[in-house]
């Protein structure tokens, strides 16, 4: 039997019914990747890195027997199922749904398609504040800091406001 992993995902949406897209995404993650243990509040933030409509963001912790690479592939398939069309152009863009793999246990993974922990997580309040809501005992394996410590030292000074509560599926 394969070991069960603790996976932290960040979900964002800035097109259509953002809250409904996130709820649908969480249900699919629960069905297709692993058991969703806890979901953060939903936060609203301005688009990061480009001009666009505001994003809704949340984080969740799930338990899965899948490898990090398998989680990534299934997350990309869920994005596509929900209508995400990845553009070939570089840079940030609006999206109906965005799923980022933030942490996988306390592993450090670096491949051509996946870097864990997410390399920009410490610079993004819209990742850190929802992650902090999860109240899990996790320490960044490279920076050797807890999520609360990363929130304090983050360079992101933008607004990130809790706007909704979510239920576990």
N, C-alpha and C. Protein backbone atom coordinates (compact mmCIF):
# COMPACT_ATOMS: atom_id res chain seq x y z
N UNK A 1 0.84 -1.19 0.00
CA UNK A 1 0.00 0.00 0.00
C UNK A 1 0.89 1.25 0.00
N UNK A 2 0.54 2.19 -0.83
CA UNK A 2 1.32 3.43 -0.94
C UNK A 2 1.03 4.35 0.23
N UNK A 3 2.04 5.09 0.63
CA UNK A 3 1.90 6.02 1.75
C UNK A 3 0.94 7.14 1.40
N UNK A 4 0.28 7.65 2.43
CA UNK A 4 -0.62 8.77 2.23
C UNK A 4 0.16 10.07 2.45
N UNK A 5 -0.02 11.00 1.54
CA UNK A 5 0.72 12.27 1.58
C UNK A 5 -0.21 13.41 1.97
N UNK A 6 0.38 14.40 2.64
CA UNK A 6 -0.34 15.64 2.93
C UNK A 6 -0.02 16.63 1.82
N UNK A 7 -1.05 17.07 1.12
CA UNK A 7 -0.90 17.93 -0.05
C UNK A 7 -1.59 19.26 0.24
N UNK A 8 -0.90 20.36 0.00
CA UNK A 8 -1.49 21.69 0.13
C UNK A 8 -1.64 22.27 -1.26
N UNK A 9 -2.88 22.65 -1.59
CA UNK A 9 -3.18 23.25 -2.88
C UNK A 9 -3.72 24.66 -2.67
N UNK A 10 -3.42 25.53 -3.60
CA UNK A 10 -3.98 26.87 -3.65
C UNK A 10 -4.88 26.94 -4.88
N UNK A 11 -6.07 27.48 -4.70
CA UNK A 11 -7.04 27.57 -5.79
C UNK A 11 -7.41 29.03 -5.99
N UNK A 12 -7.45 29.46 -7.25
CA UNK A 12 -7.84 30.83 -7.55
C UNK A 12 -8.76 30.90 -8.75
N UNK A 13 -9.56 31.96 -8.80
CA UNK A 13 -10.46 32.21 -9.93
C UNK A 13 -10.72 33.70 -10.04
N UNK A 14 -10.73 34.21 -11.28
CA UNK A 14 -11.12 35.61 -11.47
C UNK A 14 -12.03 35.79 -12.68
N UNK A 15 -12.69 34.72 -13.11
CA UNK A 15 -13.64 34.82 -14.22
C UNK A 15 -14.93 34.11 -13.84
N UNK A 16 -16.03 34.66 -14.32
CA UNK A 16 -17.33 34.03 -14.08
C UNK A 16 -17.71 34.07 -12.62
N UNK A 17 -18.49 33.09 -12.18
CA UNK A 17 -18.89 32.97 -10.78
C UNK A 17 -17.72 32.36 -10.02
N UNK A 18 -16.87 33.21 -9.49
CA UNK A 18 -15.61 32.77 -8.88
C UNK A 18 -15.83 31.79 -7.73
N UNK A 19 -16.79 32.10 -6.87
CA UNK A 19 -17.03 31.23 -5.71
C UNK A 19 -17.54 29.86 -6.14
N UNK A 20 -18.44 29.84 -7.11
CA UNK A 20 -18.97 28.57 -7.60
C UNK A 20 -17.88 27.75 -8.29
N UNK A 21 -17.01 28.41 -9.03
CA UNK A 21 -15.91 27.70 -9.69
C UNK A 21 -14.99 27.05 -8.65
N UNK A 22 -14.71 27.75 -7.57
CA UNK A 22 -13.86 27.21 -6.52
C UNK A 22 -14.55 26.03 -5.82
N UNK A 23 -15.83 26.16 -5.52
CA UNK A 23 -16.57 25.06 -4.88
C UNK A 23 -16.57 23.81 -5.77
N UNK A 24 -16.81 24.00 -7.05
CA UNK A 24 -16.82 22.88 -7.99
C UNK A 24 -15.43 22.24 -8.06
N UNK A 25 -14.41 23.06 -8.09
CA UNK A 25 -13.04 22.58 -8.13
C UNK A 25 -12.72 21.74 -6.89
N UNK A 26 -13.12 22.21 -5.72
CA UNK A 26 -12.86 21.47 -4.48
C UNK A 26 -13.54 20.10 -4.52
N UNK A 27 -14.77 20.07 -5.00
CA UNK A 27 -15.49 18.79 -5.10
C UNK A 27 -14.75 17.82 -6.03
N UNK A 28 -14.26 18.32 -7.15
CA UNK A 28 -13.52 17.46 -8.09
C UNK A 28 -12.18 17.00 -7.51
N UNK A 29 -11.50 17.87 -6.80
CA UNK A 29 -10.24 17.48 -6.15
C UNK A 29 -10.50 16.35 -5.16
N UNK A 30 -11.60 16.47 -4.41
CA UNK A 30 -11.97 15.46 -3.42
C UNK A 30 -12.28 14.13 -4.10
N UNK A 31 -12.95 14.18 -5.24
CA UNK A 31 -13.32 12.96 -5.96
C UNK A 31 -12.13 12.32 -6.67
N UNK A 32 -11.23 13.13 -7.21
CA UNK A 32 -10.23 12.60 -8.14
C UNK A 32 -8.80 12.53 -7.62
N UNK A 33 -8.50 13.27 -6.54
CA UNK A 33 -7.11 13.28 -6.07
C UNK A 33 -6.96 12.70 -4.67
N UNK A 34 -7.82 13.09 -3.76
CA UNK A 34 -7.70 12.59 -2.39
C UNK A 34 -8.74 13.20 -1.49
N UNK A 35 -8.70 12.81 -0.24
CA UNK A 35 -9.67 13.27 0.75
C UNK A 35 -9.34 14.69 1.19
N UNK A 36 -10.26 15.62 0.92
CA UNK A 36 -10.07 17.00 1.38
C UNK A 36 -10.33 17.02 2.89
N UNK A 37 -9.32 17.40 3.64
CA UNK A 37 -9.38 17.40 5.10
C UNK A 37 -9.88 18.74 5.63
N UNK A 38 -9.40 19.82 5.04
CA UNK A 38 -9.77 21.15 5.52
C UNK A 38 -9.63 22.15 4.38
N UNK A 39 -10.54 23.14 4.39
CA UNK A 39 -10.53 24.22 3.39
C UNK A 39 -10.47 25.55 4.13
N UNK A 40 -9.66 26.46 3.63
CA UNK A 40 -9.55 27.80 4.22
C UNK A 40 -10.77 28.65 3.87
N UNK A 41 -10.77 29.86 4.41
CA UNK A 41 -11.72 30.86 3.95
C UNK A 41 -11.33 31.28 2.53
N UNK A 42 -12.24 31.95 1.85
CA UNK A 42 -11.96 32.51 0.53
C UNK A 42 -11.52 33.96 0.73
N UNK A 43 -10.46 34.33 0.05
CA UNK A 43 -9.91 35.68 0.12
C UNK A 43 -10.03 36.34 -1.25
N UNK A 44 -10.25 37.66 -1.25
CA UNK A 44 -10.26 38.42 -2.50
C UNK A 44 -9.00 39.27 -2.54
N UNK A 45 -8.33 39.22 -3.69
CA UNK A 45 -7.12 40.00 -3.90
C UNK A 45 -7.11 40.56 -5.32
N UNK A 46 -6.40 41.65 -5.47
CA UNK A 46 -6.20 42.18 -6.82
C UNK A 46 -5.38 41.17 -7.61
N UNK A 47 -5.52 41.22 -8.92
CA UNK A 47 -4.70 40.35 -9.78
C UNK A 47 -3.23 40.62 -9.48
N UNK A 48 -2.43 39.58 -9.47
CA UNK A 48 -1.02 39.67 -9.10
C UNK A 48 -0.18 39.52 -10.36
N UNK A 49 0.58 40.56 -10.70
CA UNK A 49 1.48 40.47 -11.85
C UNK A 49 0.88 40.93 -13.17
N UNK A 50 -0.42 41.31 -13.17
CA UNK A 50 -1.05 41.79 -14.40
C UNK A 50 -2.34 42.51 -14.04
N UNK A 51 -2.87 43.33 -14.97
CA UNK A 51 -4.12 44.06 -14.75
C UNK A 51 -5.29 43.19 -15.17
N UNK A 52 -6.21 42.96 -14.23
CA UNK A 52 -7.38 42.14 -14.52
C UNK A 52 -8.35 42.24 -13.36
N UNK A 53 -9.45 41.49 -13.45
CA UNK A 53 -10.42 41.45 -12.36
C UNK A 53 -9.80 40.79 -11.14
N UNK A 54 -10.36 41.11 -9.97
CA UNK A 54 -9.87 40.56 -8.71
C UNK A 54 -10.06 39.05 -8.66
N UNK A 55 -9.19 38.41 -7.91
CA UNK A 55 -9.24 36.96 -7.73
C UNK A 55 -9.90 36.59 -6.41
N UNK A 56 -10.55 35.45 -6.41
CA UNK A 56 -10.89 34.75 -5.18
C UNK A 56 -9.84 33.65 -5.04
N UNK A 57 -9.33 33.46 -3.83
CA UNK A 57 -8.33 32.43 -3.57
C UNK A 57 -8.64 31.71 -2.28
N UNK A 58 -8.31 30.44 -2.24
CA UNK A 58 -8.38 29.66 -1.01
C UNK A 58 -7.28 28.62 -1.04
N UNK A 59 -7.11 27.94 0.08
CA UNK A 59 -6.15 26.84 0.16
C UNK A 59 -6.86 25.65 0.78
N UNK A 60 -6.34 24.48 0.52
CA UNK A 60 -6.89 23.29 1.16
C UNK A 60 -5.79 22.29 1.41
N UNK A 61 -6.04 21.44 2.39
CA UNK A 61 -5.15 20.32 2.65
C UNK A 61 -5.93 19.06 2.33
N UNK A 62 -5.28 18.18 1.59
CA UNK A 62 -5.90 16.89 1.30
C UNK A 62 -4.89 15.79 1.52
N UNK A 63 -5.41 14.59 1.73
CA UNK A 63 -4.57 13.41 1.87
C UNK A 63 -4.75 12.56 0.63
N UNK A 64 -3.63 12.11 0.06
CA UNK A 64 -3.67 11.36 -1.19
C UNK A 64 -2.56 10.31 -1.22
N UNK A 65 -2.84 9.21 -1.89
CA UNK A 65 -1.84 8.18 -2.12
C UNK A 65 -1.05 8.46 -3.41
N UNK A 66 -1.44 9.49 -4.15
CA UNK A 66 -0.78 9.81 -5.41
C UNK A 66 0.57 10.47 -5.17
N UNK A 67 1.46 10.35 -6.14
CA UNK A 67 2.74 11.06 -6.10
C UNK A 67 2.49 12.54 -6.42
N UNK A 68 3.47 13.38 -6.14
CA UNK A 68 3.34 14.81 -6.46
C UNK A 68 3.09 15.01 -7.95
N UNK A 69 3.79 14.28 -8.79
CA UNK A 69 3.61 14.42 -10.24
C UNK A 69 2.21 13.99 -10.66
N UNK A 70 1.68 12.92 -10.04
CA UNK A 70 0.32 12.48 -10.35
C UNK A 70 -0.71 13.52 -9.90
N UNK A 71 -0.47 14.13 -8.74
CA UNK A 71 -1.37 15.19 -8.27
C UNK A 71 -1.37 16.34 -9.27
N UNK A 72 -0.18 16.74 -9.72
CA UNK A 72 -0.08 17.83 -10.69
C UNK A 72 -0.87 17.51 -11.96
N UNK A 73 -0.68 16.32 -12.51
CA UNK A 73 -1.37 15.95 -13.75
C UNK A 73 -2.88 15.93 -13.57
N UNK A 74 -3.35 15.41 -12.45
CA UNK A 74 -4.80 15.38 -12.19
C UNK A 74 -5.34 16.80 -11.97
N UNK A 75 -4.57 17.66 -11.30
CA UNK A 75 -4.99 19.04 -11.09
C UNK A 75 -5.12 19.77 -12.43
N UNK A 76 -4.16 19.56 -13.32
CA UNK A 76 -4.23 20.17 -14.66
C UNK A 76 -5.45 19.67 -15.43
N UNK A 77 -5.78 18.39 -15.29
CA UNK A 77 -6.96 17.83 -15.96
C UNK A 77 -8.24 18.43 -15.38
N UNK A 78 -8.27 18.67 -14.07
CA UNK A 78 -9.44 19.29 -13.44
C UNK A 78 -9.58 20.73 -13.93
N UNK A 79 -8.48 21.47 -14.01
CA UNK A 79 -8.54 22.83 -14.56
C UNK A 79 -9.17 22.81 -15.95
N UNK A 80 -8.73 21.90 -16.78
CA UNK A 80 -9.25 21.80 -18.15
C UNK A 80 -10.74 21.44 -18.13
N UNK A 81 -11.12 20.51 -17.28
CA UNK A 81 -12.52 20.08 -17.16
C UNK A 81 -13.42 21.26 -16.77
N UNK A 82 -12.87 22.18 -15.96
CA UNK A 82 -13.64 23.34 -15.51
C UNK A 82 -13.58 24.51 -16.48
N UNK A 83 -12.90 24.33 -17.62
CA UNK A 83 -12.90 25.37 -18.65
C UNK A 83 -11.64 26.19 -18.77
N UNK A 84 -10.61 25.84 -18.02
CA UNK A 84 -9.35 26.58 -18.12
C UNK A 84 -8.69 26.31 -19.46
N UNK A 85 -8.33 27.36 -20.14
CA UNK A 85 -7.60 27.24 -21.39
C UNK A 85 -6.24 27.89 -21.16
N UNK A 86 -5.21 27.08 -21.18
CA UNK A 86 -3.86 27.60 -20.97
C UNK A 86 -3.37 28.26 -22.25
N UNK A 87 -2.90 29.50 -22.11
CA UNK A 87 -2.37 30.25 -23.25
C UNK A 87 -0.90 29.93 -23.42
N UNK A 88 -0.44 29.96 -24.64
CA UNK A 88 0.99 29.70 -24.89
C UNK A 88 1.84 30.93 -24.56
N UNK A 89 1.21 32.09 -24.48
CA UNK A 89 1.95 33.31 -24.16
C UNK A 89 2.45 33.26 -22.72
N UNK A 90 3.63 33.80 -22.50
CA UNK A 90 4.17 33.81 -21.15
C UNK A 90 3.51 34.91 -20.34
N UNK A 91 3.65 34.82 -19.03
CA UNK A 91 3.07 35.82 -18.14
C UNK A 91 1.75 35.36 -17.56
N UNK A 92 1.20 36.21 -16.71
CA UNK A 92 -0.04 35.89 -16.01
C UNK A 92 -1.24 36.26 -16.85
N UNK A 93 -2.36 35.58 -16.63
CA UNK A 93 -3.58 35.86 -17.36
C UNK A 93 -4.80 35.48 -16.52
N UNK A 94 -5.95 36.03 -16.90
CA UNK A 94 -7.19 35.69 -16.23
C UNK A 94 -7.50 34.22 -16.43
N UNK A 95 -8.23 33.65 -15.46
CA UNK A 95 -8.56 32.24 -15.59
C UNK A 95 -9.80 31.90 -14.77
N UNK A 96 -10.57 30.98 -15.30
CA UNK A 96 -11.76 30.49 -14.61
C UNK A 96 -11.36 29.73 -13.35
N UNK A 97 -10.23 29.02 -13.43
CA UNK A 97 -9.74 28.27 -12.27
C UNK A 97 -8.23 28.09 -12.40
N UNK A 98 -7.56 28.13 -11.27
CA UNK A 98 -6.12 27.92 -11.23
C UNK A 98 -5.82 27.09 -9.99
N UNK A 99 -5.15 25.97 -10.17
CA UNK A 99 -4.78 25.11 -9.05
C UNK A 99 -3.26 25.05 -8.99
N UNK A 100 -2.70 25.46 -7.87
CA UNK A 100 -1.25 25.40 -7.68
C UNK A 100 -0.93 24.41 -6.57
N UNK A 101 0.02 23.55 -6.81
CA UNK A 101 0.53 22.62 -5.81
C UNK A 101 1.58 23.38 -5.00
N UNK A 102 1.25 23.67 -3.74
CA UNK A 102 2.10 24.51 -2.90
C UNK A 102 3.09 23.68 -2.10
N UNK A 103 2.60 22.61 -1.48
CA UNK A 103 3.46 21.76 -0.65
C UNK A 103 3.01 20.31 -0.75
N UNK A 104 3.97 19.43 -0.62
CA UNK A 104 3.72 17.99 -0.67
C UNK A 104 4.52 17.40 0.48
N UNK A 105 3.81 17.06 1.58
CA UNK A 105 4.48 16.72 2.83
C UNK A 105 5.45 17.87 3.12
N UNK A 106 6.66 17.55 3.53
CA UNK A 106 7.67 18.60 3.68
C UNK A 106 8.81 18.34 2.70
N UNK A 107 8.42 17.79 1.55
CA UNK A 107 9.41 17.41 0.54
C UNK A 107 9.89 18.62 -0.26
N UNK A 108 11.08 18.46 -0.80
CA UNK A 108 11.65 19.40 -1.77
C UNK A 108 11.72 18.65 -3.09
N UNK A 109 11.01 19.15 -4.09
CA UNK A 109 10.96 18.50 -5.40
C UNK A 109 11.30 19.53 -6.45
N UNK A 110 12.19 19.19 -7.35
CA UNK A 110 12.52 20.09 -8.45
C UNK A 110 12.68 19.27 -9.73
N UNK A 111 11.67 19.40 -10.60
CA UNK A 111 11.72 18.75 -11.90
C UNK A 111 11.45 19.82 -12.96
N UNK A 112 11.41 19.42 -14.22
CA UNK A 112 11.11 20.38 -15.30
C UNK A 112 9.69 20.93 -15.18
N UNK A 113 8.78 20.15 -14.61
CA UNK A 113 7.36 20.56 -14.58
C UNK A 113 6.84 20.91 -13.19
N UNK A 114 7.64 20.69 -12.16
CA UNK A 114 7.13 20.86 -10.80
C UNK A 114 8.24 21.28 -9.84
N UNK A 115 7.97 22.35 -9.08
CA UNK A 115 8.88 22.77 -8.01
C UNK A 115 8.08 22.86 -6.72
N UNK A 116 8.51 22.09 -5.73
CA UNK A 116 7.85 22.04 -4.42
C UNK A 116 8.91 22.29 -3.36
N UNK A 117 8.64 23.14 -2.37
CA UNK A 117 7.46 23.99 -2.25
C UNK A 117 7.40 25.01 -3.39
N UNK A 118 6.19 25.52 -3.61
CA UNK A 118 6.00 26.49 -4.68
C UNK A 118 7.02 27.61 -4.50
N UNK A 119 7.80 27.94 -5.54
CA UNK A 119 8.92 28.87 -5.39
C UNK A 119 8.54 30.31 -5.05
N UNK A 120 7.29 30.70 -5.25
CA UNK A 120 6.88 32.08 -4.96
C UNK A 120 5.91 32.18 -3.79
N UNK A 121 5.64 31.09 -3.13
CA UNK A 121 4.61 31.10 -2.09
C UNK A 121 4.88 32.15 -1.01
N UNK A 122 6.13 32.32 -0.60
CA UNK A 122 6.47 33.24 0.48
C UNK A 122 6.27 34.70 0.08
N UNK A 123 6.09 34.97 -1.20
CA UNK A 123 5.89 36.34 -1.69
C UNK A 123 4.44 36.64 -2.05
N UNK A 124 3.53 35.75 -1.70
CA UNK A 124 2.14 35.91 -2.12
C UNK A 124 1.19 35.75 -0.93
N UNK A 125 0.64 36.87 -0.49
CA UNK A 125 -0.32 36.84 0.61
C UNK A 125 -1.52 35.97 0.28
N UNK A 126 -1.93 35.96 -0.99
CA UNK A 126 -3.11 35.18 -1.38
C UNK A 126 -2.86 33.67 -1.28
N UNK A 127 -1.62 33.27 -1.12
CA UNK A 127 -1.28 31.87 -0.81
C UNK A 127 -1.09 31.72 0.70
N UNK A 128 -0.35 32.63 1.31
CA UNK A 128 0.01 32.50 2.72
C UNK A 128 -1.17 32.60 3.67
N UNK A 129 -2.05 33.59 3.49
CA UNK A 129 -3.16 33.76 4.44
C UNK A 129 -4.12 32.57 4.42
N UNK A 130 -4.54 32.09 3.24
CA UNK A 130 -5.37 30.89 3.26
C UNK A 130 -4.64 29.67 3.85
N UNK A 131 -3.36 29.52 3.53
CA UNK A 131 -2.56 28.42 4.08
C UNK A 131 -2.54 28.52 5.61
N UNK A 132 -2.38 29.73 6.12
CA UNK A 132 -2.36 29.95 7.57
C UNK A 132 -3.69 29.53 8.20
N UNK A 133 -4.80 29.75 7.50
CA UNK A 133 -6.12 29.34 8.01
C UNK A 133 -6.18 27.84 8.31
N UNK A 134 -5.41 27.06 7.58
CA UNK A 134 -5.47 25.60 7.73
C UNK A 134 -4.91 25.12 9.06
N UNK A 135 -4.12 25.97 9.71
CA UNK A 135 -3.57 25.68 11.04
C UNK A 135 -2.92 24.30 11.12
N UNK A 136 -2.12 23.98 10.13
CA UNK A 136 -1.41 22.70 10.15
C UNK A 136 0.03 22.93 10.58
N UNK A 137 0.62 21.91 11.10
CA UNK A 137 2.00 21.98 11.56
C UNK A 137 2.91 21.71 10.36
N UNK A 138 3.31 22.76 9.67
CA UNK A 138 4.14 22.63 8.48
C UNK A 138 5.22 23.70 8.53
N UNK A 139 6.40 23.32 8.14
CA UNK A 139 7.51 24.27 8.09
C UNK A 139 8.12 24.20 6.70
N UNK A 140 8.36 25.37 6.11
CA UNK A 140 8.97 25.44 4.78
C UNK A 140 10.31 24.73 4.85
N UNK A 141 10.49 23.67 4.04
CA UNK A 141 11.70 22.87 4.16
C UNK A 141 12.99 23.54 3.66
N UNK A 142 12.86 24.63 2.93
CA UNK A 142 14.05 25.35 2.45
C UNK A 142 14.30 26.58 3.32
N UNK A 143 13.26 27.36 3.57
CA UNK A 143 13.39 28.59 4.36
C UNK A 143 13.37 28.33 5.86
N UNK A 144 12.95 27.12 6.25
CA UNK A 144 12.88 26.73 7.66
C UNK A 144 12.03 27.69 8.49
N UNK A 145 10.88 28.07 7.91
CA UNK A 145 9.95 29.00 8.58
C UNK A 145 8.55 28.40 8.55
N UNK A 146 7.77 28.70 9.59
CA UNK A 146 6.36 28.31 9.61
C UNK A 146 5.58 29.27 8.71
N UNK A 147 4.34 28.91 8.42
CA UNK A 147 3.50 29.80 7.61
C UNK A 147 3.31 31.13 8.32
N UNK A 148 3.08 31.12 9.62
CA UNK A 148 2.91 32.38 10.36
C UNK A 148 4.15 33.26 10.24
N UNK A 149 5.32 32.66 10.30
CA UNK A 149 6.56 33.43 10.14
C UNK A 149 6.68 33.98 8.73
N UNK A 150 6.28 33.21 7.73
CA UNK A 150 6.34 33.67 6.34
C UNK A 150 5.37 34.83 6.11
N UNK A 151 4.20 34.80 6.75
CA UNK A 151 3.23 35.90 6.62
C UNK A 151 3.87 37.20 7.11
N UNK A 152 4.54 37.14 8.24
CA UNK A 152 5.15 38.33 8.83
C UNK A 152 6.24 38.92 7.94
N UNK A 153 7.05 38.07 7.31
CA UNK A 153 8.18 38.58 6.53
C UNK A 153 7.88 38.72 5.03
N UNK A 154 6.66 38.41 4.62
CA UNK A 154 6.32 38.46 3.20
C UNK A 154 6.50 39.87 2.63
N UNK A 155 7.00 39.92 1.40
CA UNK A 155 7.16 41.20 0.71
C UNK A 155 5.85 41.71 0.11
N UNK A 156 4.80 40.87 0.08
CA UNK A 156 3.51 41.23 -0.50
C UNK A 156 2.75 42.11 0.50
N UNK A 157 2.56 43.37 0.15
CA UNK A 157 1.86 44.31 1.02
C UNK A 157 0.46 44.65 0.50
N UNK A 158 0.00 43.93 -0.52
CA UNK A 158 -1.33 44.17 -1.08
C UNK A 158 -2.44 43.71 -0.16
N UNK A 159 -3.66 44.18 -0.45
CA UNK A 159 -4.83 43.78 0.33
C UNK A 159 -5.21 42.34 0.00
N UNK A 160 -5.60 41.62 1.04
CA UNK A 160 -6.04 40.24 0.91
C UNK A 160 -7.12 40.06 1.97
N UNK A 161 -8.39 40.11 1.55
CA UNK A 161 -9.51 40.20 2.48
C UNK A 161 -10.36 38.94 2.43
N UNK A 162 -10.64 38.36 3.60
CA UNK A 162 -11.52 37.19 3.67
C UNK A 162 -12.93 37.62 3.30
N UNK A 163 -13.57 36.87 2.38
CA UNK A 163 -14.90 37.25 1.90
C UNK A 163 -15.93 36.14 2.05
N UNK A 164 -15.51 34.90 2.28
CA UNK A 164 -16.48 33.81 2.38
C UNK A 164 -15.85 32.62 3.11
N UNK A 165 -16.73 31.84 3.74
CA UNK A 165 -16.32 30.58 4.35
C UNK A 165 -16.73 29.45 3.42
N UNK A 166 -15.96 28.39 3.43
CA UNK A 166 -16.27 27.21 2.63
C UNK A 166 -16.40 26.00 3.54
N UNK A 167 -17.19 25.03 3.09
CA UNK A 167 -17.32 23.79 3.84
C UNK A 167 -16.49 22.71 3.17
N UNK A 168 -16.03 21.76 3.98
CA UNK A 168 -15.35 20.60 3.41
C UNK A 168 -16.35 19.78 2.62
N UNK A 169 -15.91 19.17 1.53
CA UNK A 169 -16.86 18.36 0.74
C UNK A 169 -17.31 17.12 1.49
